[in-house]
Structures are given as structure tokens and as C-alpha cells.
Amino acid sequence: MTPPRPHAPTPILPYARQQVNEEDIAAVVAVLRSDWLTCGPAVETFEAALAETCGAQHAIAVSNGTAALHLAMLAAGVGPGDRVLTSPNTFAASANCAAYVGAMPDFADIDPATRNLSPGLLAEQWRKDVRAVVAVDFAGYPCDLPRIAEVARANGAVVIEDAAHALGTQFFAQGNWHTVGGHPWADLTTLSFHPVKTITTGEGGAILTNNDALAARCRLLRSHGITKDPSQFLTSELCPLTSEKGPWYYEMQELGYNYRITDIQCALGISQLKRLPAWVARRQEIVDRYNSAFTGLPYVRTPPRADRAVDGFGPTKPSWHLYALEIDFAAMGTTRTAIMQTLRAQGVASQVHYIPVHLQPYYRRRYSYAPGKCPAAEAYYARTLSLPLFASLSDQEVDRVIDAIVGLTTGNQKRC
């Protein structure tokens, strides 16, 4: 008797995945066959496409999203003796960028309804030495930038929007729809093109701004603080080695960094950016399906509703980088680790976004932050679990995720 053939293992759905097609590959190959692999025309083309997509006057493409945040701090003149307020519900780079320039990273708590920086708590946490606010659009849901900017600008501080999750996000405010990266309430907006983001360049990032001076400073600092532009050259008294400034001549005017992005990466970004509207629409469709299935389940809370205003802000059209569900693990009589293991056995990977930054060992040791500083963010962290969300997720795969979560929370598990 022939023994039964074993079942093939259920393929694992990651929480995020890049999507690269033949057009993307062809675009990269075309650059590889060209004369320019870096510092070439694809960089400027990508920057122009980004600026047009977001409605910004300037886009400065850089090597990664963390580099974008660092340059934003430098361009804004933040440094030693300054304090920078940001959200604890974010990746470490949103706060680390302040430490890079010698400023003090500090945190205001989140609004539990939006999971973003609370404008009211930002005002309460304000101190005289605050020089900048890094407002993080968590999961792609936009911050209430009009209110955050009102608080910051009344105190002479710069607003930096960390939109690593939010390329393509729109929100309604003051009678009009606005696109992240092009609205008037952020002085600088940073993006990330890591493979888990809505579009990817492999690694990469960008800074968007409508301020000519900030854009020029970001461009200078992106490339060693060096300029080859004759109109920017300094006086001969500062450059005594030569009075002849021929075509070879350049000046290092500040201590900058090698934060350049390559033409290879930008070719991929140009190609990917063409599909941004379709990908954002698909992500919104998946989130709507998840919300419809999970709303009303025991132990579960869904992300903020995009079609509703929260405390007067919105509605919104998020690009939804993450689908972060809140689950009361203790009330279920289980742990997050056990839930993640059970989901994975059913072919559904999950992740946690984020451990509050102020509770990371470096921040506790260096700045003496402790539990209780940001109770809303800490409570959110105890319940959060990110489920698969990417544009190529099929309807059948969405159903698999839904069935797994419904089964866990109602006790009616399906066999996979």
C-alpha cells in the first residue's frame, strides 16, 4: 500500500514584501548599460518625479531614510543645547537623528485613537529649548500637522515630518485635500524607500521641502559639503591656493557626508513610482477588508478609520504601510508570542511595530528615560501586532489572514 503523500507546507505570508516586475528590471539594466551609475541623470529624474507626485518644490534623494532625517536636522540648524520632540511609537531613527547632531531626543506621548504624536500632549511637554519636532506618520496615517505646526511655530521650532510610512498619503484640513510632502505645515518631510515600504529603491530615502534655502543646504551636505557650482563659490580670501577656477574646480564649504543615492537605485524608483497610485489603492482595499472582518471581534481593536475625522482632523486617505491590529492578549489568556507562533503555523507571519523608543537600553542609559514617561505608547505596544499588508497580497491570501485572526479571537479555528 502506497503511504499517503505528505501535505506541502503552507507558504508563509510575510508582513511586508517588495514587488519588482520586468519593467523595473529593464529600467535598472538600462542604467547598468549607460555611462552613469551614480551622480547621473536618473537621480534628477527621480527627484523631479517625487516632487511632482507629492506637490513639493524640491526633492533631494539620498542613500536611506535615516540619512534623510540626519540631513533634515543639519539643514534646520539643530545642534548641541537643543531638544527635539518626537513620537515614542516609531523606529529608532526618528529620535536618533537628534542625537547625531548633539541635540537631546525627547518624547511626547501619542493619541491612542491615531497612534500618532498628540498635539495636546506635545504642547504640555514643550520646553524652552525645543528646536524641532519630528512628527511621525505611523503606519501611513497622517499626523495632525496643522495643530502640531501651530504649537511648534508659535515657539520658533522647525517641523520635520517623518513620512517614511506615508508616501502617497493625503488628508483633509482647512477646507482642502493635501498630500504628504507638499503641504504647508512641515518645513521638511523625509521618506524611506526600504523594500518593505510602498515603493522601493533597495535602500534609499528623500527629503521634500518648499524652502529653497533648506533644499540647497540638504544638497550640499548630501555630497561631502562640496559644490561645483560657480555661483556658490566663496571669495578668494577663503581659497588662497588658486585664483584660477577652471572646470576641475570644486569647494568643500562644510563638513558634509556621502549620503548620495545611485542612478541604479533611482532607475528602480522611477519605475516603481509609476505604480504608486495602484499600490496605494490596493493597500487601502486590503485595509478595508481587514477592518470589515475584525471590527466587533472580541479582544480586538482596528486602526483609526480613514473616512472619519479624529478630534477635528481628517478625513484621510492613508497609503497604509502597516496594518497594526490591537489585541488584548491578557484578556484572551495568552501571550503575543503564542499568538505569533500560532499564526505562523497557519502560514501568516506577523511583526511588532514598535517597542517605544524611550524604553530602548541606549535611551534609558543615556537619558534616564523610564517606563511611565509615555503611558499611551507603552499601552499600545503591549497590544499591537502587525499583519501582512502589501500590494501583491491576493484576495485568497487576505482571506487566509482573516480566517486565522477570526479563529484565534472567537475560538473557531480553521484547519490550514
Protein backbone atom coordinates (compact mmCIF):
# COMPACT_ATOMS: atom_id res chain seq x y z
CA MET A 1 0.00 0.00 0.00
CA THR A 2 1.38 3.38 -1.01
CA PRO A 3 1.76 5.67 2.01
CA PRO A 4 -0.14 8.97 1.83
CA ARG A 5 1.79 11.82 0.29
CA PRO A 6 2.64 14.45 2.92
CA HIS A 7 0.97 17.84 2.57
CA ALA A 8 3.15 20.59 1.20
CA PRO A 9 3.92 23.15 3.91
CA THR A 10 1.73 26.23 3.87
CA PRO A 11 3.72 29.12 2.35
CA ILE A 12 4.41 31.88 4.82
CA LEU A 13 2.88 35.29 4.12
CA PRO A 14 5.39 37.93 5.31
CA TYR A 15 4.14 41.09 6.98
CA ALA A 16 5.62 43.06 4.05
CA ARG A 17 7.17 42.33 0.68
CA GLN A 18 8.68 44.30 -2.20
CA GLN A 19 7.13 43.98 -5.65
CA VAL A 20 9.55 44.07 -8.61
CA ASN A 21 8.43 43.40 -12.18
CA GLU A 22 10.12 43.12 -15.55
CA GLU A 23 9.76 46.86 -16.22
CA ASP A 24 11.69 47.57 -13.03
CA ILE A 25 14.41 45.14 -14.02
CA ALA A 26 14.63 46.63 -17.52
CA ALA A 27 14.95 50.13 -16.07
CA VAL A 28 17.85 49.06 -13.87
CA VAL A 29 19.55 47.17 -16.70
CA ALA A 30 19.29 50.26 -18.91
CA VAL A 31 21.25 52.27 -16.34
CA LEU A 32 23.82 49.50 -15.96
CA ARG A 33 24.40 49.76 -19.70
CA SER A 34 24.63 53.55 -19.62
CA ASP A 35 27.52 55.89 -18.87
CA TRP A 36 26.20 56.84 -15.43
CA LEU A 37 25.90 54.51 -12.43
CA THR A 38 25.84 57.33 -9.88
CA CYS A 39 25.65 61.16 -9.83
CA GLY A 40 23.89 60.97 -13.21
CA PRO A 41 20.59 61.94 -14.85
CA ALA A 42 18.45 59.22 -13.26
CA VAL A 43 18.87 60.90 -9.86
CA GLU A 44 17.47 64.20 -11.11
CA THR A 45 14.65 62.43 -12.96
CA PHE A 46 13.66 60.54 -9.82
CA GLU A 47 13.76 63.72 -7.75
CA ALA A 48 11.56 65.55 -10.25
CA ALA A 49 9.05 62.69 -10.27
CA LEU A 50 8.95 62.61 -6.46
CA ALA A 51 8.43 66.36 -6.22
CA GLU A 52 5.61 66.24 -8.76
CA THR A 53 3.95 63.26 -7.04
CA CYS A 54 3.94 64.96 -3.66
CA GLY A 55 3.39 68.54 -4.81
CA ALA A 56 6.70 69.74 -3.36
CA GLN A 57 9.03 72.31 -4.88
CA HIS A 58 12.17 70.31 -4.05
CA ALA A 59 13.05 66.63 -3.63
CA ILE A 60 16.55 65.59 -2.57
CA ALA A 61 17.16 61.86 -2.94
CA VAL A 62 19.63 60.26 -0.52
CA SER A 63 21.06 56.89 0.45
CA ASN A 64 18.39 55.93 3.02
CA GLY A 65 15.64 57.29 5.22
CA THR A 66 17.91 57.71 8.24
CA ALA A 67 20.29 59.84 6.16
CA ALA A 68 17.28 61.96 5.17
CA LEU A 69 16.43 62.57 8.83
CA HIS A 70 20.05 63.39 9.68
CA LEU A 71 20.30 65.90 6.83
CA ALA A 72 16.98 67.45 7.84
CA MET A 73 18.38 68.07 11.32
CA LEU A 74 21.58 69.58 9.92
CA ALA A 75 19.75 71.74 7.38
CA ALA A 76 17.45 73.05 10.11
CA GLY A 77 20.43 74.06 12.23
CA VAL A 78 19.59 71.76 15.14
CA GLY A 79 22.57 71.02 17.38
CA PRO A 80 24.01 70.89 20.90
CA GLY A 81 21.84 72.55 23.51
CA ASP A 82 18.67 71.92 21.52
CA ARG A 83 15.86 69.50 22.33
CA VAL A 84 13.90 67.58 19.70
CA LEU A 85 10.44 66.20 20.46
CA THR A 86 9.17 63.16 18.61
CA SER A 87 6.83 60.19 19.00
CA PRO A 88 7.88 57.14 21.02
CA ASN A 89 5.84 54.96 18.61
CA THR A 90 8.36 54.84 15.79
CA PHE A 91 11.59 53.30 14.56
CA ALA A 92 14.70 54.47 16.44
CA ALA A 93 15.93 56.68 13.57
CA SER A 94 13.19 59.27 14.22
CA ALA A 95 14.87 60.06 17.53
CA ASN A 96 18.45 59.04 16.75
CA CYS A 97 18.72 61.84 14.18
CA ALA A 98 18.61 64.36 17.05
CA ALA A 99 21.40 62.56 18.90
CA TYR A 100 23.52 62.52 15.71
CA VAL A 101 23.73 66.32 15.77
CA GLY A 102 24.32 66.59 19.52
CA ALA A 103 20.74 67.56 20.41
CA MET A 104 18.65 65.84 23.07
CA PRO A 105 15.97 63.45 21.76
CA ASP A 106 12.80 63.71 23.83
CA PHE A 107 9.30 62.31 23.52
CA ALA A 108 5.69 63.41 23.77
CA ASP A 109 3.05 60.72 24.05
CA ILE A 110 0.71 59.50 21.33
CA ASP A 111 -3.00 59.92 20.85
CA PRO A 112 -4.43 56.40 21.41
CA ALA A 113 -7.00 56.99 18.65
CA THR A 114 -4.46 57.77 15.91
CA ARG A 115 -1.26 56.25 17.41
CA ASN A 116 0.49 59.45 16.30
CA LEU A 117 2.05 62.29 18.25
CA SER A 118 -0.67 64.07 20.25
CA PRO A 119 -0.72 67.83 19.56
CA GLY A 120 -2.17 68.50 23.01
CA LEU A 121 0.47 66.44 24.82
CA LEU A 122 3.14 68.00 22.60
CA ALA A 123 2.12 71.41 23.93
CA GLU A 124 2.17 70.12 27.51
CA GLN A 125 5.63 68.59 27.07
CA TRP A 126 7.08 71.73 25.48
CA ARG A 127 10.23 73.26 26.95
CA LYS A 128 12.07 76.42 26.02
CA ASP A 129 14.98 74.52 24.45
CA VAL A 130 12.82 72.61 21.92
CA ARG A 131 14.18 73.48 18.48
CA ALA A 132 12.42 70.88 16.31
CA VAL A 133 9.53 68.42 16.22
CA VAL A 134 9.77 65.15 14.29
CA ALA A 135 6.16 64.19 13.58
CA VAL A 136 5.88 60.54 12.51
CA ASP A 137 3.05 59.37 10.24
CA PHE A 138 2.77 55.95 11.87
CA ALA A 139 1.58 53.15 9.56
CA GLY A 140 0.81 55.73 6.86
CA TYR A 141 -1.91 57.51 8.87
CA PRO A 142 -1.00 61.22 8.83
CA CYS A 143 -0.28 63.30 11.91
CA ASP A 144 -2.44 66.30 12.67
CA LEU A 145 0.22 68.54 11.14
CA PRO A 146 -1.82 71.77 11.24
CA ARG A 147 -2.09 71.60 15.04
CA ILE A 148 1.46 70.33 15.51
CA ALA A 149 2.79 73.16 13.34
CA GLU A 150 0.73 75.69 15.29
CA VAL A 151 2.40 74.57 18.53
CA ALA A 152 5.89 74.40 17.03
CA ARG A 153 5.86 77.64 15.06
CA ALA A 154 4.43 79.62 17.95
CA ASN A 155 7.62 78.63 19.76
CA GLY A 156 10.04 79.16 16.87
CA ALA A 157 10.63 75.46 16.22
CA VAL A 158 11.04 73.58 12.95
CA VAL A 159 8.57 70.86 11.89
CA ILE A 160 10.09 67.75 10.30
CA GLU A 161 7.57 65.20 9.08
CA ASP A 162 8.89 61.65 9.15
CA ALA A 163 6.75 60.22 6.34
CA ALA A 164 8.73 57.00 5.88
CA HIS A 165 5.39 55.16 6.05
CA ALA A 166 3.29 57.69 4.20
CA LEU A 167 4.32 58.22 0.58
CA GLY A 168 1.04 58.82 -1.27
CA THR A 169 -0.98 59.67 1.86
CA GLN A 170 -3.49 62.52 1.70
CA PHE A 171 -5.51 64.32 4.37
CA PHE A 172 -8.27 66.90 4.56
CA ALA A 173 -7.54 70.05 6.53
CA GLN A 174 -8.71 73.66 6.46
CA GLY A 175 -11.11 73.05 3.59
CA ASN A 176 -8.79 71.24 1.18
CA TRP A 177 -7.10 67.91 0.50
CA HIS A 178 -3.30 67.90 0.98
CA THR A 179 -0.59 65.41 0.03
CA VAL A 180 2.13 64.39 2.47
CA GLY A 181 5.33 66.08 1.37
CA GLY A 182 3.68 69.04 -0.31
CA HIS A 183 1.52 70.69 2.36
CA PRO A 184 2.49 73.92 4.17
CA TRP A 185 2.75 72.60 7.75
CA ALA A 186 6.07 70.74 7.52
CA ASP A 187 9.33 72.56 6.85
CA LEU A 188 10.96 69.31 5.75
CA THR A 189 9.47 65.88 5.03
CA THR A 190 11.55 62.70 4.92
CA LEU A 191 10.81 59.48 3.05
CA SER A 192 12.21 55.94 3.02
CA PHE A 193 12.40 53.50 0.10
CA HIS A 194 13.42 50.39 2.05
CA PRO A 195 12.00 47.17 0.48
CA VAL A 196 9.12 46.97 2.98
CA LYS A 197 7.89 50.47 2.06
CA THR A 198 5.24 51.29 -0.55
CA ILE A 199 7.87 51.76 -3.27
CA THR A 200 11.50 50.70 -3.05
CA THR A 201 14.88 51.63 -4.43
CA GLY A 202 16.51 48.76 -2.49
CA GLU A 203 17.70 51.23 0.10
CA GLY A 204 17.13 54.93 -0.27
CA GLY A 205 15.34 57.98 1.04
CA ALA A 206 14.46 61.55 0.21
CA ILE A 207 13.82 64.97 1.69
CA LEU A 208 10.94 67.10 0.42
CA THR A 209 10.65 70.81 1.08
CA ASN A 210 9.20 74.01 -0.32
CA ASN A 211 12.04 76.05 1.19
CA ASP A 212 14.80 76.95 -1.30
CA ALA A 213 17.46 77.52 1.36
CA LEU A 214 16.77 74.24 3.17
CA ALA A 215 16.85 72.36 -0.14
CA ALA A 216 20.19 73.90 -1.11
CA ARG A 217 21.71 73.01 2.26
CA CYS A 218 20.48 69.40 2.04
CA ARG A 219 22.02 69.07 -1.43
CA LEU A 220 25.35 70.47 -0.24
CA LEU A 221 25.54 68.26 2.85
CA ARG A 222 24.45 65.16 0.90
CA SER A 223 27.75 65.21 -1.03
CA HIS A 224 30.61 65.93 1.39
CA GLY A 225 29.69 69.62 1.69
CA ILE A 226 31.20 70.07 -1.78
CA THR A 227 29.90 72.29 -4.56
CA LYS A 228 31.00 72.66 -8.19
CA ASP A 229 28.53 75.48 -8.83
CA PRO A 230 30.49 78.68 -9.66
CA SER A 231 27.67 80.83 -8.37
CA GLN A 232 28.20 79.30 -4.92
CA PHE A 233 32.00 79.65 -4.75
CA LEU A 234 33.42 81.56 -1.82
CA THR A 235 35.74 84.56 -2.01
CA SER A 236 39.37 84.11 -2.98
CA GLU A 237 40.47 85.07 0.55
CA LEU A 238 38.97 81.77 1.78
CA CYS A 239 40.52 79.83 -1.10
CA PRO A 240 44.18 81.05 -1.28
CA LEU A 241 45.54 78.05 -3.19
CA THR A 242 44.29 79.16 -6.57
CA SER A 243 42.86 82.15 -8.31
CA GLU A 244 42.10 80.07 -11.38
CA LYS A 245 38.79 78.27 -11.07
CA GLY A 246 38.63 76.13 -14.16
CA PRO A 247 36.32 73.21 -14.99
CA TRP A 248 38.07 70.94 -12.47
CA TYR A 249 37.49 73.29 -9.56
CA TYR A 250 35.28 72.50 -6.57
CA GLU A 251 34.98 73.71 -2.99
CA MET A 252 34.32 71.85 0.22
CA GLN A 253 32.43 74.51 2.13
CA GLU A 254 31.13 72.45 5.05
CA LEU A 255 31.72 69.07 6.68
CA GLY A 256 29.19 67.02 4.75
CA TYR A 257 28.51 63.33 4.22
CA ASN A 258 28.43 60.78 1.44
CA TYR A 259 24.67 60.32 1.50
CA ARG A 260 24.26 60.13 -2.26
CA ILE A 261 21.89 57.68 -3.93
CA THR A 262 22.89 55.90 -7.15
CA ASP A 263 21.37 56.07 -10.63
CA ILE A 264 20.81 52.31 -10.37
CA GLN A 265 18.56 52.81 -7.34
CA CYS A 266 16.81 55.81 -8.86
CA ALA A 267 16.01 53.89 -12.05
CA LEU A 268 14.15 51.37 -9.90
CA GLY A 269 12.45 54.20 -8.02
CA ILE A 270 11.31 55.94 -11.22
CA SER A 271 9.77 52.71 -12.47
CA GLN A 272 8.14 51.89 -9.13
CA LEU A 273 6.73 55.38 -8.69
CA LYS A 274 4.58 54.91 -11.80
CA ARG A 275 2.61 52.22 -9.93
CA LEU A 276 2.24 54.16 -6.67
CA PRO A 277 -1.46 55.09 -7.20
CA ALA A 278 -2.44 51.49 -7.92
CA TRP A 279 -0.43 50.18 -4.98
CA VAL A 280 -1.89 52.72 -2.57
CA ALA A 281 -5.41 51.85 -3.76
CA ARG A 282 -4.75 48.12 -3.25
CA ARG A 283 -3.38 48.69 0.25
CA GLN A 284 -6.47 50.74 1.11
CA GLU A 285 -8.69 47.96 -0.25
CA ILE A 286 -6.95 45.32 1.88
CA VAL A 287 -7.20 47.50 5.00
CA ASP A 288 -10.92 47.99 4.35
CA ARG A 289 -11.39 44.22 4.12
CA TYR A 290 -9.45 43.65 7.32
CA ASN A 291 -11.41 46.33 9.14
CA SER A 292 -14.75 44.91 7.98
CA ALA A 293 -13.76 41.45 9.17
CA PHE A 294 -12.21 42.44 12.50
CA THR A 295 -14.50 45.24 13.70
CA GLY A 296 -16.59 43.91 16.56
CA LEU A 297 -14.42 40.87 17.27
CA PRO A 298 -13.69 40.24 20.95
CA TYR A 299 -10.28 41.35 22.25
CA VAL A 300 -9.52 43.31 19.06
CA ARG A 301 -9.26 46.97 18.06
CA THR A 302 -8.71 48.05 14.46
CA PRO A 303 -6.63 51.03 13.21
CA PRO A 304 -8.19 54.51 13.00
CA ARG A 305 -10.96 54.93 10.44
CA ALA A 306 -9.66 56.83 7.43
CA ASP A 307 -13.09 58.14 6.45
CA ARG A 308 -13.68 59.86 9.80
CA ALA A 309 -12.23 62.96 11.40
CA VAL A 310 -10.36 62.41 14.66
CA ASP A 311 -10.51 65.37 17.04
CA GLY A 312 -11.31 67.66 14.12
CA PHE A 313 -8.55 66.36 11.83
CA GLY A 314 -9.36 64.44 8.65
CA PRO A 315 -10.81 62.50 6.98
CA THR A 316 -7.69 60.95 5.48
CA LYS A 317 -6.56 58.74 2.60
CA PRO A 318 -3.61 56.85 4.10
CA SER A 319 -1.23 54.86 1.94
CA TRP A 320 -1.18 52.28 4.80
CA HIS A 321 2.35 50.98 5.15
CA LEU A 322 1.33 48.78 8.09
CA TYR A 323 -1.81 47.09 9.32
CA ALA A 324 -1.29 47.18 13.08
CA LEU A 325 -4.10 45.47 14.97
CA GLU A 326 -4.51 45.86 18.74
CA ILE A 327 -5.21 42.63 20.61
CA ASP A 328 -5.84 42.26 24.34
CA PHE A 329 -3.60 39.24 24.79
CA ALA A 330 -4.04 39.12 28.56
CA ALA A 331 -7.85 39.09 28.29
CA MET A 332 -7.53 36.21 25.81
CA GLY A 333 -5.48 34.31 28.37
CA THR A 334 -2.46 34.09 26.08
CA THR A 335 0.68 35.94 25.04
CA ARG A 336 1.71 37.78 21.91
CA THR A 337 4.47 35.24 21.33
CA ALA A 338 1.99 32.37 21.43
CA ILE A 339 -0.34 34.18 19.01
CA MET A 340 2.53 34.85 16.60
CA GLN A 341 3.56 31.19 16.72
CA THR A 342 0.00 30.01 16.09
CA LEU A 343 -0.39 32.39 13.16
CA ARG A 344 2.90 31.29 11.65
CA ALA A 345 1.81 27.64 11.87
CA GLN A 346 -1.09 28.72 9.64
CA GLY A 347 1.22 30.44 7.17
CA VAL A 348 0.75 34.00 8.47
CA ALA A 349 3.81 35.92 9.62
CA SER A 350 3.41 38.94 11.88
CA GLN A 351 5.59 41.64 13.39
CA VAL A 352 5.53 44.21 16.19
CA HIS A 353 5.68 47.98 15.50
CA TYR A 354 7.12 49.42 17.72
CA ILE A 355 8.92 48.98 21.01
CA PRO A 356 8.70 52.54 22.42
CA VAL A 357 12.00 54.22 21.62
CA HIS A 358 12.41 55.77 25.06
CA LEU A 359 12.47 52.26 26.59
CA GLN A 360 15.39 51.07 24.46
CA PRO A 361 18.51 50.40 26.56
CA TYR A 362 20.52 53.23 25.00
CA TYR A 363 17.82 55.81 25.76
CA ARG A 364 17.30 54.56 29.31
CA ARG A 365 21.05 54.59 29.98
CA ARG A 366 21.90 57.85 28.19
CA TYR A 367 18.86 59.97 29.04
CA SER A 368 17.43 58.19 32.10
CA TYR A 369 14.03 57.60 30.47
CA ALA A 370 11.86 55.03 32.22
CA PRO A 371 8.50 53.27 31.94
CA GLY A 372 5.62 55.65 32.56
CA LYS A 373 7.05 58.52 30.52
CA CYS A 374 4.67 57.84 27.61
CA PRO A 375 1.88 55.65 29.02
CA ALA A 376 -0.31 55.66 25.89
CA ALA A 377 2.55 54.48 23.67
CA GLU A 378 3.54 51.88 26.25
CA ALA A 379 -0.03 50.56 26.49
CA TYR A 380 -0.29 50.45 22.70
CA TYR A 381 2.95 48.49 22.43
CA ALA A 382 1.61 45.86 24.84
CA ARG A 383 -1.29 45.13 22.46
CA THR A 384 -0.03 45.70 18.93
CA LEU A 385 0.53 43.11 16.20
CA SER A 386 1.19 43.90 12.52
CA LEU A 387 -0.42 41.61 9.95
CA PRO A 388 0.57 41.05 6.29
CA LEU A 389 -0.01 44.10 4.12
CA PHE A 390 1.49 44.60 0.66
CA ALA A 391 0.07 45.41 -2.75
CA SER A 392 0.61 41.95 -4.26
CA LEU A 393 -1.35 40.23 -1.48
CA SER A 394 -4.12 38.28 -3.23
CA ASP A 395 -7.75 38.12 -2.13
CA GLN A 396 -7.23 34.47 -1.18
CA GLU A 397 -4.24 35.39 0.96
CA VAL A 398 -6.22 38.17 2.61
CA ASP A 399 -8.90 35.58 3.40
CA ARG A 400 -6.26 33.36 4.98
CA VAL A 401 -5.18 36.17 7.30
CA ILE A 402 -8.79 37.00 8.16
CA ASP A 403 -9.68 33.37 8.89
CA ALA A 404 -6.64 33.00 11.14
CA ILE A 405 -7.43 36.10 13.22
CA VAL A 406 -11.16 35.39 13.45
CA GLY A 407 -10.39 31.83 14.51
CA LEU A 408 -7.97 32.95 17.21
CA THR A 409 -10.29 35.54 18.70
CA THR A 410 -13.51 33.50 18.55
CA GLY A 411 -12.11 30.04 19.21
CA ASN A 412 -13.31 28.76 15.81
CA GLN A 413 -10.01 27.92 14.15
CA LYS A 414 -9.91 26.58 10.63
CA ARG A 415 -7.54 23.83 9.60
CA CYS A 416 -5.00 25.01 7.02
